[in-house]
Amino acid sequence: MKEYERNLFAINGISGMLLLTILLLSIVVFLTIKSISVQKNNAKNFYMIKNAHLIKKISIQNAKHIVLVK
């Protein structure tokens, strides 16, 4: 690296580290807020399992046994 290319505020220096840290923290905050809102919306959706004795161990028909309660 040449002497004139060394810069304290280059994108690979302190400013790059701070930019990356702010970016990562903003992603974490966004995903946390989004997950809390999804949890709040789905906490009101209750379900019942109908005919539990007919559920097979491996079957794609098992989804028909779940009924939403309103």
PDB file of N, CA and C in Angstrom:
ATOM      1  N   MET A   1       0.847  -1.174   0.000  1.00  0.00           N
ATOM      2  CA  MET A   1       0.000   0.000   0.000  1.00  0.00           C
ATOM      3  C   MET A   1       0.889   1.233   0.000  1.00  0.00           C
ATOM      4  N   LYS A   2       0.545   2.159  -0.844  1.00  0.00           N
ATOM      5  CA  LYS A   2       1.346   3.376  -0.948  1.00  0.00           C
ATOM      6  C   LYS A   2       0.975   4.338   0.169  1.00  0.00           C
ATOM      7  N   GLU A   3       1.878   5.179   0.497  1.00  0.00           N
ATOM      8  CA  GLU A   3       1.697   6.088   1.630  1.00  0.00           C
ATOM      9  C   GLU A   3       0.517   7.029   1.428  1.00  0.00           C
ATOM     10  N   TYR A   4       0.285   7.502   0.211  1.00  0.00           N
ATOM     11  CA  TYR A   4      -0.800   8.444  -0.021  1.00  0.00           C
ATOM     12  C   TYR A   4      -2.169   7.755  -0.084  1.00  0.00           C
ATOM     13  N   GLU A   5      -2.197   6.409  -0.170  1.00  0.00           N
ATOM     14  CA  GLU A   5      -3.452   5.675  -0.192  1.00  0.00           C
ATOM     15  C   GLU A   5      -3.958   5.359   1.210  1.00  0.00           C
ATOM     16  N   ARG A   6      -3.138   5.550   2.200  1.00  0.00           N
ATOM     17  CA  ARG A   6      -3.541   5.251   3.568  1.00  0.00           C
ATOM     18  C   ARG A   6      -4.392   6.397   4.090  1.00  0.00           C
ATOM     19  N   ASN A   7      -5.597   6.082   4.457  1.00  0.00           N
ATOM     20  CA  ASN A   7      -6.530   7.097   4.904  1.00  0.00           C
ATOM     21  C   ASN A   7      -7.260   6.559   6.126  1.00  0.00           C
ATOM     22  N   LEU A   8      -7.353   7.370   7.154  1.00  0.00           N
ATOM     23  CA  LEU A   8      -8.024   6.946   8.378  1.00  0.00           C
ATOM     24  C   LEU A   8      -9.508   6.714   8.146  1.00  0.00           C
ATOM     25  N   PHE A   9     -10.110   7.504   7.251  1.00  0.00           N
ATOM     26  CA  PHE A   9     -11.547   7.417   7.021  1.00  0.00           C
ATOM     27  C   PHE A   9     -11.881   6.735   5.697  1.00  0.00           C
ATOM     28  N   ALA A  10     -11.039   5.851   5.247  1.00  0.00           N
ATOM     29  CA  ALA A  10     -11.337   5.075   4.049  1.00  0.00           C
ATOM     30  C   ALA A  10     -12.414   4.051   4.382  1.00  0.00           C
ATOM     31  N   ILE A  11     -13.028   3.504   3.365  1.00  0.00           N
ATOM     32  CA  ILE A  11     -14.139   2.578   3.597  1.00  0.00           C
ATOM     33  C   ILE A  11     -13.664   1.304   4.307  1.00  0.00           C
ATOM     34  N   ASN A  12     -12.397   0.995   4.245  1.00  0.00           N
ATOM     35  CA  ASN A  12     -11.878  -0.169   4.939  1.00  0.00           C
ATOM     36  C   ASN A  12     -11.223   0.211   6.265  1.00  0.00           C
ATOM     37  N   GLY A  13     -11.436   1.414   6.712  1.00  0.00           N
ATOM     38  CA  GLY A  13     -10.854   1.854   7.975  1.00  0.00           C
ATOM     39  C   GLY A  13     -11.922   1.946   9.057  1.00  0.00           C
ATOM     40  N   ILE A  14     -11.801   2.956   9.890  1.00  0.00           N
ATOM     41  CA  ILE A  14     -12.739   3.137  11.000  1.00  0.00           C
ATOM     42  C   ILE A  14     -14.143   3.403  10.496  1.00  0.00           C
ATOM     43  N   SER A  15     -14.275   4.233   9.459  1.00  0.00           N
ATOM     44  CA  SER A  15     -15.612   4.543   8.950  1.00  0.00           C
ATOM     45  C   SER A  15     -16.275   3.313   8.350  1.00  0.00           C
ATOM     46  N   GLY A  16     -15.513   2.471   7.702  1.00  0.00           N
ATOM     47  CA  GLY A  16     -16.063   1.227   7.169  1.00  0.00           C
ATOM     48  C   GLY A  16     -16.561   0.316   8.271  1.00  0.00           C
ATOM     49  N   MET A  17     -15.812   0.233   9.361  1.00  0.00           N
ATOM     50  CA  MET A  17     -16.226  -0.582  10.494  1.00  0.00           C
ATOM     51  C   MET A  17     -17.501  -0.021  11.118  1.00  0.00           C
ATOM     52  N   LEU A  18     -17.550   1.311  11.282  1.00  0.00           N
ATOM     53  CA  LEU A  18     -18.745   1.922  11.863  1.00  0.00           C
ATOM     54  C   LEU A  18     -19.949   1.777  10.943  1.00  0.00           C
ATOM     55  N   LEU A  19     -19.737   1.920   9.644  1.00  0.00           N
ATOM     56  CA  LEU A  19     -20.822   1.753   8.684  1.00  0.00           C
ATOM     57  C   LEU A  19     -21.366   0.329   8.727  1.00  0.00           C
ATOM     58  N   LEU A  20     -20.497  -0.641   8.770  1.00  0.00           N
ATOM     59  CA  LEU A  20     -20.913  -2.032   8.843  1.00  0.00           C
ATOM     60  C   LEU A  20     -21.626  -2.326  10.152  1.00  0.00           C
ATOM     61  N   THR A  21     -21.136  -1.785  11.251  1.00  0.00           N
ATOM     62  CA  THR A  21     -21.778  -1.991  12.554  1.00  0.00           C
ATOM     63  C   THR A  21     -23.179  -1.397  12.574  1.00  0.00           C
ATOM     64  N   ILE A  22     -23.325  -0.193  12.043  1.00  0.00           N
ATOM     65  CA  ILE A  22     -24.645   0.448  11.993  1.00  0.00           C
ATOM     66  C   ILE A  22     -25.581  -0.341  11.085  1.00  0.00           C
ATOM     67  N   LEU A  23     -25.067  -0.824   9.973  1.00  0.00           N
ATOM     68  CA  LEU A  23     -25.882  -1.623   9.060  1.00  0.00           C
ATOM     69  C   LEU A  23     -26.354  -2.910   9.722  1.00  0.00           C
ATOM     70  N   LEU A  24     -25.466  -3.612  10.379  1.00  0.00           N
ATOM     71  CA  LEU A  24     -25.836  -4.863  11.046  1.00  0.00           C
ATOM     72  C   LEU A  24     -26.823  -4.629  12.184  1.00  0.00           C
ATOM     73  N   LEU A  25     -26.612  -3.579  12.965  1.00  0.00           N
ATOM     74  CA  LEU A  25     -27.543  -3.279  14.055  1.00  0.00           C
ATOM     75  C   LEU A  25     -28.908  -2.879  13.529  1.00  0.00           C
ATOM     76  N   SER A  26     -28.960  -2.161  12.428  1.00  0.00           N
ATOM     77  CA  SER A  26     -30.255  -1.793  11.860  1.00  0.00           C
ATOM     78  C   SER A  26     -30.993  -3.017  11.325  1.00  0.00           C
ATOM     79  N   ILE A  27     -30.266  -3.961  10.754  1.00  0.00           N
ATOM     80  CA  ILE A  27     -30.897  -5.210  10.307  1.00  0.00           C
ATOM     81  C   ILE A  27     -31.441  -5.988  11.483  1.00  0.00           C
ATOM     82  N   VAL A  28     -30.697  -6.061  12.563  1.00  0.00           N
ATOM     83  CA  VAL A  28     -31.154  -6.772  13.757  1.00  0.00           C
ATOM     84  C   VAL A  28     -32.400  -6.106  14.340  1.00  0.00           C
ATOM     85  N   VAL A  29     -32.411  -4.786  14.410  1.00  0.00           N
ATOM     86  CA  VAL A  29     -33.571  -4.067  14.939  1.00  0.00           C
ATOM     87  C   VAL A  29     -34.782  -4.287  14.041  1.00  0.00           C
ATOM     88  N   PHE A  30     -34.599  -4.211  12.725  1.00  0.00           N
ATOM     89  CA  PHE A  30     -35.711  -4.428  11.801  1.00  0.00           C
ATOM     90  C   PHE A  30     -36.284  -5.825  11.952  1.00  0.00           C
ATOM     91  N   LEU A  31     -35.439  -6.846  11.985  1.00  0.00           N
ATOM     92  CA  LEU A  31     -35.924  -8.219  12.110  1.00  0.00           C
ATOM     93  C   LEU A  31     -36.585  -8.466  13.460  1.00  0.00           C
ATOM     94  N   THR A  32     -36.097  -7.840  14.520  1.00  0.00           N
ATOM     95  CA  THR A  32     -36.714  -7.986  15.836  1.00  0.00           C
ATOM     96  C   THR A  32     -38.102  -7.377  15.857  1.00  0.00           C
ATOM     97  N   ILE A  33     -38.245  -6.178  15.311  1.00  0.00           N
ATOM     98  CA  ILE A  33     -39.556  -5.523  15.268  1.00  0.00           C
ATOM     99  C   ILE A  33     -40.519  -6.325  14.404  1.00  0.00           C
ATOM    100  N   LYS A  34     -40.043  -6.825  13.288  1.00  0.00           N
ATOM    101  CA  LYS A  34     -40.894  -7.619  12.395  1.00  0.00           C
ATOM    102  C   LYS A  34     -41.327  -8.916  13.069  1.00  0.00           C
ATOM    103  N   SER A  35     -40.431  -9.585  13.786  1.00  0.00           N
ATOM    104  CA  SER A  35     -40.791 -10.838  14.444  1.00  0.00           C
ATOM    105  C   SER A  35     -41.775 -10.617  15.584  1.00  0.00           C
ATOM    106  N   ILE A  36     -41.650  -9.506  16.292  1.00  0.00           N
ATOM    107  CA  ILE A  36     -42.602  -9.205  17.359  1.00  0.00           C
ATOM    108  C   ILE A  36     -43.984  -8.943  16.779  1.00  0.00           C
ATOM    109  N   SER A  37     -44.056  -8.232  15.666  1.00  0.00           N
ATOM    110  CA  SER A  37     -45.362  -7.964  15.060  1.00  0.00           C
ATOM    111  C   SER A  37     -45.998  -9.244  14.514  1.00  0.00           C
ATOM    112  N   VAL A  38     -45.207 -10.131  13.946  1.00  0.00           N
ATOM    113  CA  VAL A  38     -45.734 -11.406  13.457  1.00  0.00           C
ATOM    114  C   VAL A  38     -46.239 -12.243  14.624  1.00  0.00           C
ATOM    115  N   GLN A  39     -45.510 -12.245  15.725  1.00  0.00           N
ATOM    116  CA  GLN A  39     -45.932 -13.005  16.901  1.00  0.00           C
ATOM    117  C   GLN A  39     -47.237 -12.465  17.469  1.00  0.00           C
ATOM    118  N   LYS A  40     -47.382 -11.140  17.513  1.00  0.00           N
ATOM    119  CA  LYS A  40     -48.618 -10.540  18.021  1.00  0.00           C
ATOM    120  C   LYS A  40     -49.806 -10.887  17.142  1.00  0.00           C
ATOM    121  N   ASN A  41     -49.605 -10.882  15.830  1.00  0.00           N
ATOM    122  CA  ASN A  41     -50.704 -11.196  14.916  1.00  0.00           C
ATOM    123  C   ASN A  41     -51.111 -12.663  14.984  1.00  0.00           C
ATOM    124  N   ASN A  42     -50.155 -13.548  15.146  1.00  0.00           N
ATOM    125  CA  ASN A  42     -50.466 -14.969  15.151  1.00  0.00           C
ATOM    126  C   ASN A  42     -50.827 -15.504  16.528  1.00  0.00           C
ATOM    127  N   ALA A  43     -50.650 -14.724  17.557  1.00  0.00           N
ATOM    128  CA  ALA A  43     -51.017 -15.178  18.896  1.00  0.00           C
ATOM    129  C   ALA A  43     -52.534 -15.246  19.059  1.00  0.00           C
ATOM    130  N   LYS A  44     -53.266 -14.618  18.162  1.00  0.00           N
ATOM    131  CA  LYS A  44     -54.725 -14.612  18.230  1.00  0.00           C
ATOM    132  C   LYS A  44     -55.350 -15.720  17.388  1.00  0.00           C
ATOM    133  N   ASN A  45     -54.551 -16.465  16.644  1.00  0.00           N
ATOM    134  CA  ASN A  45     -55.059 -17.539  15.781  1.00  0.00           C
ATOM    135  C   ASN A  45     -54.938 -18.877  16.510  1.00  0.00           C
ATOM    136  N   PHE A  46     -56.034 -19.308  17.115  1.00  0.00           N
ATOM    137  CA  PHE A  46     -56.040 -20.579  17.833  1.00  0.00           C
ATOM    138  C   PHE A  46     -56.485 -21.688  16.886  1.00  0.00           C
ATOM    139  N   TYR A  47     -56.071 -22.892  17.179  1.00  0.00           N
ATOM    140  CA  TYR A  47     -56.462 -24.019  16.336  1.00  0.00           C
ATOM    141  C   TYR A  47     -56.772 -25.230  17.207  1.00  0.00           C
ATOM    142  N   MET A  48     -57.540 -26.156  16.622  1.00  0.00           N
ATOM    143  CA  MET A  48     -57.863 -27.431  17.273  1.00  0.00           C
ATOM    144  C   MET A  48     -57.453 -28.553  16.335  1.00  0.00           C
ATOM    145  N   ILE A  49     -57.170 -29.703  16.896  1.00  0.00           N
ATOM    146  CA  ILE A  49     -56.852 -30.881  16.100  1.00  0.00           C
ATOM    147  C   ILE A  49     -58.067 -31.797  16.140  1.00  0.00           C
ATOM    148  N   LYS A  50     -58.663 -32.007  14.973  1.00  0.00           N
ATOM    149  CA  LYS A  50     -59.835 -32.875  14.848  1.00  0.00           C
ATOM    150  C   LYS A  50     -59.379 -34.275  14.458  1.00  0.00           C
ATOM    151  N   ASN A  51     -60.029 -35.266  14.987  1.00  0.00           N
ATOM    152  CA  ASN A  51     -59.761 -36.680  14.670  1.00  0.00           C
ATOM    153  C   ASN A  51     -58.282 -37.023  14.847  1.00  0.00           C
ATOM    154  N   ALA A  52     -57.778 -36.785  16.030  1.00  0.00           N
ATOM    155  CA  ALA A  52     -56.355 -37.016  16.290  1.00  0.00           C
ATOM    156  C   ALA A  52     -55.971 -38.490  16.156  1.00  0.00           C
ATOM    157  N   HIS A  53     -56.919 -39.377  16.330  1.00  0.00           N
ATOM    158  CA  HIS A  53     -56.603 -40.803  16.224  1.00  0.00           C
ATOM    159  C   HIS A  53     -56.381 -41.236  14.770  1.00  0.00           C
ATOM    160  N   LEU A  54     -56.762 -40.410  13.799  1.00  0.00           N
ATOM    161  CA  LEU A  54     -56.564 -40.749  12.389  1.00  0.00           C
ATOM    162  C   LEU A  54     -55.260 -40.186  11.810  1.00  0.00           C
ATOM    163  N   ILE A  55     -54.512 -39.451  12.615  1.00  0.00           N
ATOM    164  CA  ILE A  55     -53.272 -38.865  12.126  1.00  0.00           C
ATOM    165  C   ILE A  55     -52.217 -39.955  11.976  1.00  0.00           C
ATOM    166  N   LYS A  56     -51.604 -39.980  10.798  1.00  0.00           N
ATOM    167  CA  LYS A  56     -50.560 -40.961  10.525  1.00  0.00           C
ATOM    168  C   LYS A  56     -49.194 -40.337  10.800  1.00  0.00           C
ATOM    169  N   LYS A  57     -48.195 -41.187  10.952  1.00  0.00           N
ATOM    170  CA  LYS A  57     -46.863 -40.698  11.288  1.00  0.00           C
ATOM    171  C   LYS A  57     -46.277 -39.847  10.158  1.00  0.00           C
ATOM    172  N   ILE A  58     -46.355 -40.337   8.943  1.00  0.00           N
ATOM    173  CA  ILE A  58     -45.837 -39.596   7.791  1.00  0.00           C
ATOM    174  C   ILE A  58     -46.955 -39.550   6.752  1.00  0.00           C
ATOM    175  N   SER A  59     -47.560 -38.376   6.616  1.00  0.00           N
ATOM    176  CA  SER A  59     -48.628 -38.219   5.645  1.00  0.00           C
ATOM    177  C   SER A  59     -48.825 -36.737   5.343  1.00  0.00           C
ATOM    178  N   ILE A  60     -49.108 -36.439   4.087  1.00  0.00           N
ATOM    179  CA  ILE A  60     -49.399 -35.048   3.736  1.00  0.00           C
ATOM    180  C   ILE A  60     -50.847 -34.701   4.054  1.00  0.00           C
ATOM    181  N   GLN A  61     -51.638 -35.667   4.409  1.00  0.00           N
ATOM    182  CA  GLN A  61     -53.044 -35.436   4.748  1.00  0.00           C
ATOM    183  C   GLN A  61     -53.217 -34.959   6.190  1.00  0.00           C
ATOM    184  N   ASN A  62     -52.144 -34.923   6.958  1.00  0.00           N
ATOM    185  CA  ASN A  62     -52.235 -34.507   8.360  1.00  0.00           C
ATOM    186  C   ASN A  62     -52.650 -33.051   8.513  1.00  0.00           C
ATOM    187  N   ALA A  63     -52.415 -32.236   7.520  1.00  0.00           N
ATOM    188  CA  ALA A  63     -52.772 -30.818   7.599  1.00  0.00           C
ATOM    189  C   ALA A  63     -54.282 -30.621   7.630  1.00  0.00           C
ATOM    190  N   LYS A  64     -55.028 -31.590   7.150  1.00  0.00           N
ATOM    191  CA  LYS A  64     -56.495 -31.473   7.152  1.00  0.00           C
ATOM    192  C   LYS A  64     -57.081 -31.608   8.552  1.00  0.00           C
ATOM    193  N   HIS A  65     -56.317 -32.109   9.494  1.00  0.00           N
ATOM    194  CA  HIS A  65     -56.802 -32.298  10.853  1.00  0.00           C
ATOM    195  C   HIS A  65     -56.725 -31.026  11.696  1.00  0.00           C
ATOM    196  N   ILE A  66     -56.031 -30.030  11.206  1.00  0.00           N
ATOM    197  CA  ILE A  66     -55.895 -28.758  11.936  1.00  0.00           C
ATOM    198  C   ILE A  66     -56.998 -27.814  11.483  1.00  0.00           C
ATOM    199  N   VAL A  67     -57.808 -27.361  12.462  1.00  0.00           N
ATOM    200  CA  VAL A  67     -58.931 -26.475  12.169  1.00  0.00           C
ATOM    201  C   VAL A  67     -58.750 -25.215  13.003  1.00  0.00           C
ATOM    202  N   LEU A  68     -58.845 -24.042  12.331  1.00  0.00           N
ATOM    203  CA  LEU A  68     -58.735 -22.771  13.047  1.00  0.00           C
ATOM    204  C   LEU A  68     -60.000 -22.504  13.843  1.00  0.00           C
ATOM    205  N   VAL A  69     -59.826 -22.049  15.082  1.00  0.00           N
ATOM    206  CA  VAL A  69     -60.934 -21.701  15.955  1.00  0.00           C
ATOM    207  C   VAL A  69     -61.086 -20.195  15.918  1.00  0.00           C
ATOM    208  N   LYS A  70     -62.301 -19.741  15.663  1.00  0.00           N
ATOM    209  CA  LYS A  70     -62.505 -18.284  15.590  1.00  0.00           C
ATOM    210  C   LYS A  70     -63.412 -17.813  16.681  1.00  0.00           C
TER     211      LYS A  70
END
